[in-house]
C-alpha atoms as a PDB file:
ATOM      1  CA  MET A   1      12.473 -17.885 -35.603  1.00  0.00           C
ATOM      2  CA  PRO A   2      10.727 -17.227 -38.712  1.00  0.00           C
ATOM      3  CA  LYS A   3       7.263 -18.709 -39.614  1.00  0.00           C
ATOM      4  CA  SER A   4       8.396 -19.993 -43.044  1.00  0.00           C
ATOM      5  CA  PHE A   5      11.450 -21.739 -41.312  1.00  0.00           C
ATOM      6  CA  GLN A   6       9.269 -23.284 -38.666  1.00  0.00           C
ATOM      7  CA  ARG A   7       7.146 -24.733 -41.066  1.00  0.00           C
ATOM      8  CA  ALA A   8      10.154 -25.805 -43.346  1.00  0.00           C
ATOM      9  CA  LEU A   9      11.451 -27.704 -40.112  1.00  0.00           C
ATOM     10  CA  ILE A  10       8.133 -29.198 -39.179  1.00  0.00           C
ATOM     11  CA  LEU A  11       7.947 -30.543 -42.835  1.00  0.00           C
ATOM     12  CA  ILE A  12      11.198 -31.991 -42.528  1.00  0.00           C
ATOM     13  CA  VAL A  13      10.548 -33.680 -39.317  1.00  0.00           C
ATOM     14  CA  LEU A  14       7.298 -35.074 -40.492  1.00  0.00           C
ATOM     15  CA  ALA A  15       8.917 -36.371 -43.682  1.00  0.00           C
ATOM     16  CA  VAL A  16      11.620 -38.196 -41.576  1.00  0.00           C
ATOM     17  CA  LEU A  17       8.901 -39.734 -39.055  1.00  0.00           C
ATOM     18  CA  ILE A  18       6.466 -40.729 -42.217  1.00  0.00           C
ATOM     19  CA  GLY A  19       9.616 -42.049 -44.029  1.00  0.00           C
ATOM     20  CA  SER A  20      10.859 -44.127 -40.925  1.00  0.00           C
ATOM     21  CA  ILE A  21       7.150 -45.753 -40.446  1.00  0.00           C
ATOM     22  CA  PHE A  22       6.894 -46.590 -44.411  1.00  0.00           C
ATOM     23  CA  SER A  23      10.575 -47.197 -45.220  1.00  0.00           C
ATOM     24  CA  VAL A  24      11.273 -49.729 -47.964  1.00  0.00           C
ATOM     25  CA  PRO A  25      13.845 -52.169 -47.363  1.00  0.00           C
ATOM     26  CA  THR A  26      17.168 -51.801 -49.376  1.00  0.00           C
ATOM     27  CA  SER A  27      17.676 -55.393 -49.677  1.00  0.00           C
ATOM     28  CA  VAL A  28      15.543 -58.538 -50.230  1.00  0.00           C
ATOM     29  CA  SER A  29      16.588 -60.100 -47.242  1.00  0.00           C
ATOM     30  CA  SER A  30      19.182 -59.342 -44.400  1.00  0.00           C
ATOM     31  CA  ALA A  31      20.992 -62.880 -46.012  1.00  0.00           C
ATOM     32  CA  ALA A  32      21.492 -61.284 -49.287  1.00  0.00           C
ATOM     33  CA  ALA A  33      24.087 -58.514 -47.486  1.00  0.00           C
ATOM     34  CA  LYS A  34      25.800 -61.046 -45.418  1.00  0.00           C
ATOM     35  CA  THR A  35      29.061 -62.803 -46.426  1.00  0.00           C
ATOM     36  CA  TYR A  36      28.421 -66.324 -47.312  1.00  0.00           C
ATOM     37  CA  ARG A  37      31.337 -68.847 -48.290  1.00  0.00           C
ATOM     38  CA  ILE A  38      31.925 -72.464 -48.310  1.00  0.00           C
ATOM     39  CA  VAL A  39      35.338 -73.680 -47.538  1.00  0.00           C
ATOM     40  CA  ILE A  40      36.403 -77.408 -47.620  1.00  0.00           C
ATOM     41  CA  PRO A  41      40.064 -77.760 -46.739  1.00  0.00           C
ATOM     42  CA  SER A  42      40.549 -81.306 -47.523  1.00  0.00           C
ATOM     43  CA  ILE A  43      39.504 -80.644 -51.121  1.00  0.00           C
ATOM     44  CA  GLY A  44      40.251 -77.278 -51.670  1.00  0.00           C
ATOM     45  CA  VAL A  45      37.290 -75.545 -51.883  1.00  0.00           C
ATOM     46  CA  ASP A  46      36.738 -71.934 -51.231  1.00  0.00           C
ATOM     47  CA  VAL A  47      34.173 -69.998 -53.035  1.00  0.00           C
ATOM     48  CA  PRO A  48      31.271 -67.695 -52.324  1.00  0.00           C
ATOM     49  CA  VAL A  49      27.905 -69.046 -51.807  1.00  0.00           C
ATOM     50  CA  ILE A  50      25.230 -67.063 -53.725  1.00  0.00           C
ATOM     51  CA  LEU A  51      21.480 -67.856 -53.889  1.00  0.00           C
ATOM     52  CA  ALA A  52      19.971 -70.544 -56.116  1.00  0.00           C
ATOM     53  CA  ARG A  53      16.394 -69.766 -57.034  1.00  0.00           C
ATOM     54  CA  ARG A  54      13.791 -72.170 -56.716  1.00  0.00           C
ATOM     55  CA  THR A  55      11.930 -73.229 -59.927  1.00  0.00           C
ATOM     56  CA  ARG A  56       8.628 -75.300 -59.974  1.00  0.00           C
ATOM     57  CA  THR A  57      10.595 -78.783 -59.701  1.00  0.00           C
ATOM     58  CA  SER A  58      14.379 -77.872 -58.626  1.00  0.00           C
ATOM     59  CA  TRP A  59      16.467 -74.963 -58.175  1.00  0.00           C
ATOM     60  CA  SER A  60      18.056 -72.933 -60.822  1.00  0.00           C
ATOM     61  CA  VAL A  61      22.187 -73.583 -60.941  1.00  0.00           C
ATOM     62  CA  ALA A  62      22.708 -72.032 -64.199  1.00  0.00           C
ATOM     63  CA  ARG A  63      24.544 -69.029 -63.218  1.00  0.00           C
ATOM     64  CA  LEU A  64      26.841 -70.660 -60.555  1.00  0.00           C
ATOM     65  CA  GLY A  65      29.152 -71.266 -62.993  1.00  0.00           C
ATOM     66  CA  THR A  66      32.878 -72.526 -61.903  1.00  0.00           C
ATOM     67  CA  LYS A  67      33.396 -69.744 -59.101  1.00  0.00           C
ATOM     68  CA  TYR A  68      30.269 -70.022 -56.856  1.00  0.00           C
ATOM     69  CA  ALA A  69      28.219 -72.273 -54.774  1.00  0.00           C
ATOM     70  CA  GLY A  70      24.509 -71.925 -54.562  1.00  0.00           C
ATOM     71  CA  HIS A  71      22.212 -71.631 -51.523  1.00  0.00           C
ATOM     72  CA  LEU A  72      19.108 -73.705 -52.054  1.00  0.00           C
ATOM     73  CA  GLN A  73      16.072 -71.041 -51.749  1.00  0.00           C
ATOM     74  CA  GLY A  74      13.908 -71.994 -49.177  1.00  0.00           C
ATOM     75  CA  MET A  75      16.218 -74.242 -47.107  1.00  0.00           C
ATOM     76  CA  ALA A  76      17.687 -72.974 -43.698  1.00  0.00           C
ATOM     77  CA  TYR A  77      20.444 -70.719 -43.556  1.00  0.00           C
ATOM     78  CA  PRO A  78      23.456 -71.497 -41.021  1.00  0.00           C
ATOM     79  CA  GLY A  79      22.642 -71.063 -37.308  1.00  0.00           C
ATOM     80  CA  GLU A  80      18.805 -71.518 -37.891  1.00  0.00           C
ATOM     81  CA  GLY A  81      18.791 -75.166 -37.139  1.00  0.00           C
ATOM     82  CA  GLY A  82      17.398 -77.142 -40.192  1.00  0.00           C
ATOM     83  CA  ASN A  83      18.583 -78.589 -43.292  1.00  0.00           C
ATOM     84  CA  ILE A  84      21.158 -76.156 -45.172  1.00  0.00           C
ATOM     85  CA  GLY A  85      21.445 -76.970 -48.948  1.00  0.00           C
ATOM     86  CA  ILE A  86      24.134 -75.914 -51.074  1.00  0.00           C
ATOM     87  CA  ALA A  87      24.853 -77.187 -54.359  1.00  0.00           C
ATOM     88  CA  ALA A  88      27.788 -76.578 -56.910  1.00  0.00           C
ATOM     89  CA  HIS A  89      28.719 -77.977 -60.169  1.00  0.00           C
ATOM     90  CA  VAL A  90      30.919 -80.806 -60.693  1.00  0.00           C
ATOM     91  CA  GLU A  91      32.041 -79.498 -63.968  1.00  0.00           C
ATOM     92  CA  LEU A  92      30.861 -77.432 -66.679  1.00  0.00           C
ATOM     93  CA  THR A  93      32.537 -79.399 -69.611  1.00  0.00           C
ATOM     94  CA  PRO A  94      35.340 -82.052 -68.985  1.00  0.00           C
ATOM     95  CA  THR A  95      37.971 -79.263 -69.309  1.00  0.00           C
ATOM     96  CA  LYS A  96      36.040 -76.909 -66.811  1.00  0.00           C
ATOM     97  CA  PRO A  97      35.913 -78.265 -63.581  1.00  0.00           C
ATOM     98  CA  GLY A  98      33.123 -77.064 -61.217  1.00  0.00           C
ATOM     99  CA  PRO A  99      33.964 -76.323 -57.215  1.00  0.00           C
ATOM    100  CA  PHE A 100      32.444 -79.527 -56.276  1.00  0.00           C
ATOM    101  CA  VAL A 101      34.721 -81.655 -58.764  1.00  0.00           C
ATOM    102  CA  ASN A 102      36.180 -83.537 -55.742  1.00  0.00           C
ATOM    103  CA  LEU A 103      33.062 -83.670 -53.519  1.00  0.00           C
ATOM    104  CA  ASN A 104      32.849 -87.464 -53.842  1.00  0.00           C
ATOM    105  CA  LYS A 105      36.467 -87.943 -52.069  1.00  0.00           C
ATOM    106  CA  LEU A 106      35.089 -86.300 -48.607  1.00  0.00           C
ATOM    107  CA  LEU A 107      35.365 -88.847 -45.998  1.00  0.00           C
ATOM    108  CA  PRO A 108      33.456 -89.109 -42.701  1.00  0.00           C
ATOM    109  CA  PHE A 109      35.079 -86.640 -40.033  1.00  0.00           C
ATOM    110  CA  ASP A 110      36.328 -83.959 -42.677  1.00  0.00           C
ATOM    111  CA  GLU A 111      35.572 -80.663 -41.895  1.00  0.00           C
ATOM    112  CA  ILE A 112      33.561 -77.954 -44.051  1.00  0.00           C
ATOM    113  CA  GLN A 113      33.366 -74.490 -43.072  1.00  0.00           C
ATOM    114  CA  ILE A 114      30.547 -71.986 -43.581  1.00  0.00           C
ATOM    115  CA  ILE A 115      31.251 -68.546 -43.329  1.00  0.00           C
ATOM    116  CA  TYR A 116      28.156 -66.682 -42.998  1.00  0.00           C
ATOM    117  CA  GLY A 117      28.226 -63.141 -41.829  1.00  0.00           C
ATOM    118  CA  ASP A 118      31.083 -62.685 -39.141  1.00  0.00           C
ATOM    119  CA  ILE A 119      30.576 -66.461 -37.858  1.00  0.00           C
ATOM    120  CA  THR A 120      32.317 -69.162 -39.162  1.00  0.00           C
ATOM    121  CA  TYR A 121      30.086 -72.441 -38.825  1.00  0.00           C
ATOM    122  CA  ARG A 122      32.030 -75.683 -38.647  1.00  0.00           C
ATOM    123  CA  TYR A 123      30.497 -79.073 -39.936  1.00  0.00           C
ATOM    124  CA  THR A 124      31.624 -82.631 -39.775  1.00  0.00           C
ATOM    125  CA  VAL A 125      30.969 -85.058 -42.821  1.00  0.00           C
ATOM    126  CA  THR A 126      29.081 -87.727 -41.607  1.00  0.00           C
ATOM    127  CA  SER A 127      27.828 -89.512 -45.046  1.00  0.00           C
ATOM    128  CA  SER A 128      27.933 -89.332 -48.661  1.00  0.00           C
ATOM    129  CA  PHE A 129      26.064 -91.100 -51.215  1.00  0.00           C
ATOM    130  CA  ALA A 130      24.592 -91.081 -54.829  1.00  0.00           C
ATOM    131  CA  VAL A 131      20.733 -90.617 -55.521  1.00  0.00           C
ATOM    132  CA  LYS A 132      18.555 -90.309 -58.435  1.00  0.00           C
ATOM    133  CA  PRO A 133      17.731 -86.711 -59.147  1.00  0.00           C
ATOM    134  CA  THR A 134      13.861 -87.419 -58.430  1.00  0.00           C
ATOM    135  CA  GLU A 135      14.893 -88.608 -54.835  1.00  0.00           C
ATOM    136  CA  LEU A 136      14.458 -85.643 -52.652  1.00  0.00           C
ATOM    137  CA  ALA A 137      14.655 -86.923 -49.108  1.00  0.00           C
ATOM    138  CA  ALA A 138      18.174 -85.242 -48.756  1.00  0.00           C
ATOM    139  CA  VAL A 139      16.592 -81.699 -49.131  1.00  0.00           C
ATOM    140  CA  GLN A 140      13.724 -82.122 -46.997  1.00  0.00           C
ATOM    141  CA  ALA A 141      13.389 -80.072 -43.949  1.00  0.00           C
ATOM    142  CA  THR A 142      14.673 -81.479 -40.818  1.00  0.00           C
ATOM    143  CA  PRO A 143      14.103 -80.426 -37.197  1.00  0.00           C
ATOM    144  CA  TYR A 144      17.890 -80.517 -36.465  1.00  0.00           C
ATOM    145  CA  GLU A 145      20.776 -78.369 -38.020  1.00  0.00           C
ATOM    146  CA  VAL A 146      22.425 -80.604 -40.837  1.00  0.00           C
ATOM    147  CA  LEU A 147      24.423 -79.178 -43.984  1.00  0.00           C
ATOM    148  CA  THR A 148      23.687 -81.264 -47.182  1.00  0.00           C
ATOM    149  CA  LEU A 149      25.967 -80.488 -50.038  1.00  0.00           C
ATOM    150  CA  ILE A 150      24.801 -81.642 -53.645  1.00  0.00           C
ATOM    151  CA  THR A 151      26.582 -81.981 -57.033  1.00  0.00           C
ATOM    152  CA  CYS A 152      26.114 -84.197 -60.116  1.00  0.00           C
ATOM    153  CA  THR A 153      28.343 -87.181 -60.121  1.00  0.00           C
ATOM    154  CA  SER A 154      31.359 -87.282 -62.169  1.00  0.00           C
ATOM    155  CA  ASP A 155      31.557 -90.951 -62.789  1.00  0.00           C
ATOM    156  CA  GLY A 156      30.416 -90.838 -66.465  1.00  0.00           C
ATOM    157  CA  THR A 157      26.640 -91.202 -66.010  1.00  0.00           C
ATOM    158  CA  ASN A 158      26.433 -88.342 -68.047  1.00  0.00           C
ATOM    159  CA  THR A 159      23.499 -88.995 -70.637  1.00  0.00           C
ATOM    160  CA  ALA A 160      23.250 -88.168 -74.146  1.00  0.00           C
ATOM    161  CA  ARG A 161      20.889 -85.213 -73.632  1.00  0.00           C
ATOM    162  CA  GLY A 162      23.809 -83.576 -71.515  1.00  0.00           C
ATOM    163  CA  ARG A 163      22.163 -84.558 -67.990  1.00  0.00           C
ATOM    164  CA  TYR A 164      23.697 -86.365 -65.023  1.00  0.00           C
ATOM    165  CA  ALA A 165      22.031 -89.719 -64.054  1.00  0.00           C
ATOM    166  CA  LEU A 166      22.824 -89.263 -60.250  1.00  0.00           C
ATOM    167  CA  ARG A 167      23.557 -86.716 -57.920  1.00  0.00           C
ATOM    168  CA  TRP A 168      26.037 -86.828 -55.027  1.00  0.00           C
ATOM    169  CA  ILE A 169      25.215 -85.797 -51.544  1.00  0.00           C
ATOM    170  CA  VAL A 170      27.316 -85.252 -48.821  1.00  0.00           C
ATOM    171  CA  ARG A 171      25.763 -84.737 -45.069  1.00  0.00           C
ATOM    172  CA  ALA A 172      27.376 -83.058 -42.444  1.00  0.00           C
ATOM    173  CA  LEU A 173      26.479 -82.313 -38.735  1.00  0.00           C
ATOM    174  CA  PRO A 174      27.398 -79.301 -36.602  1.00  0.00           C
ATOM    175  CA  ALA A 175      30.964 -79.903 -35.132  1.00  0.00           C
ATOM    176  CA  TYR A 176      30.384 -78.796 -31.204  1.00  0.00           C
END
């Protein structure tokens, strides 16, 4: 084997070895590459879930529009055991309903499905209630797996500044 070929081969092997040691990830997180959907058969919801980034005081949901729900950054993912927070708009305008327009119609024992990767997680609604936007207990970490869905209320509490006075919360536990 010619020496120049041997040197080239050695350089290629070294480049591969060094590249594997100092490789740069191609995605921000493994969660970003997974299929992530929320399906609520009883109210006709079936939308993709994208990341809702944490802001200084809340989460940014502006880019969700009418076609997406948002996983609240920093909260647990399905199967991790913890509080999974997913938000979506109730409406963008009175003529543009959001994915969670009928969230307040969910009843105890209704099923919610979260498709995450190649696994479908099933949850059973346990409660639903309204809270002020400043009440954060529903989005606190939990030592057990719970699904928390959040939207604005659709009962006319929209203030003059275009903000909703209350948030609608649905809690669901894993259906084993």
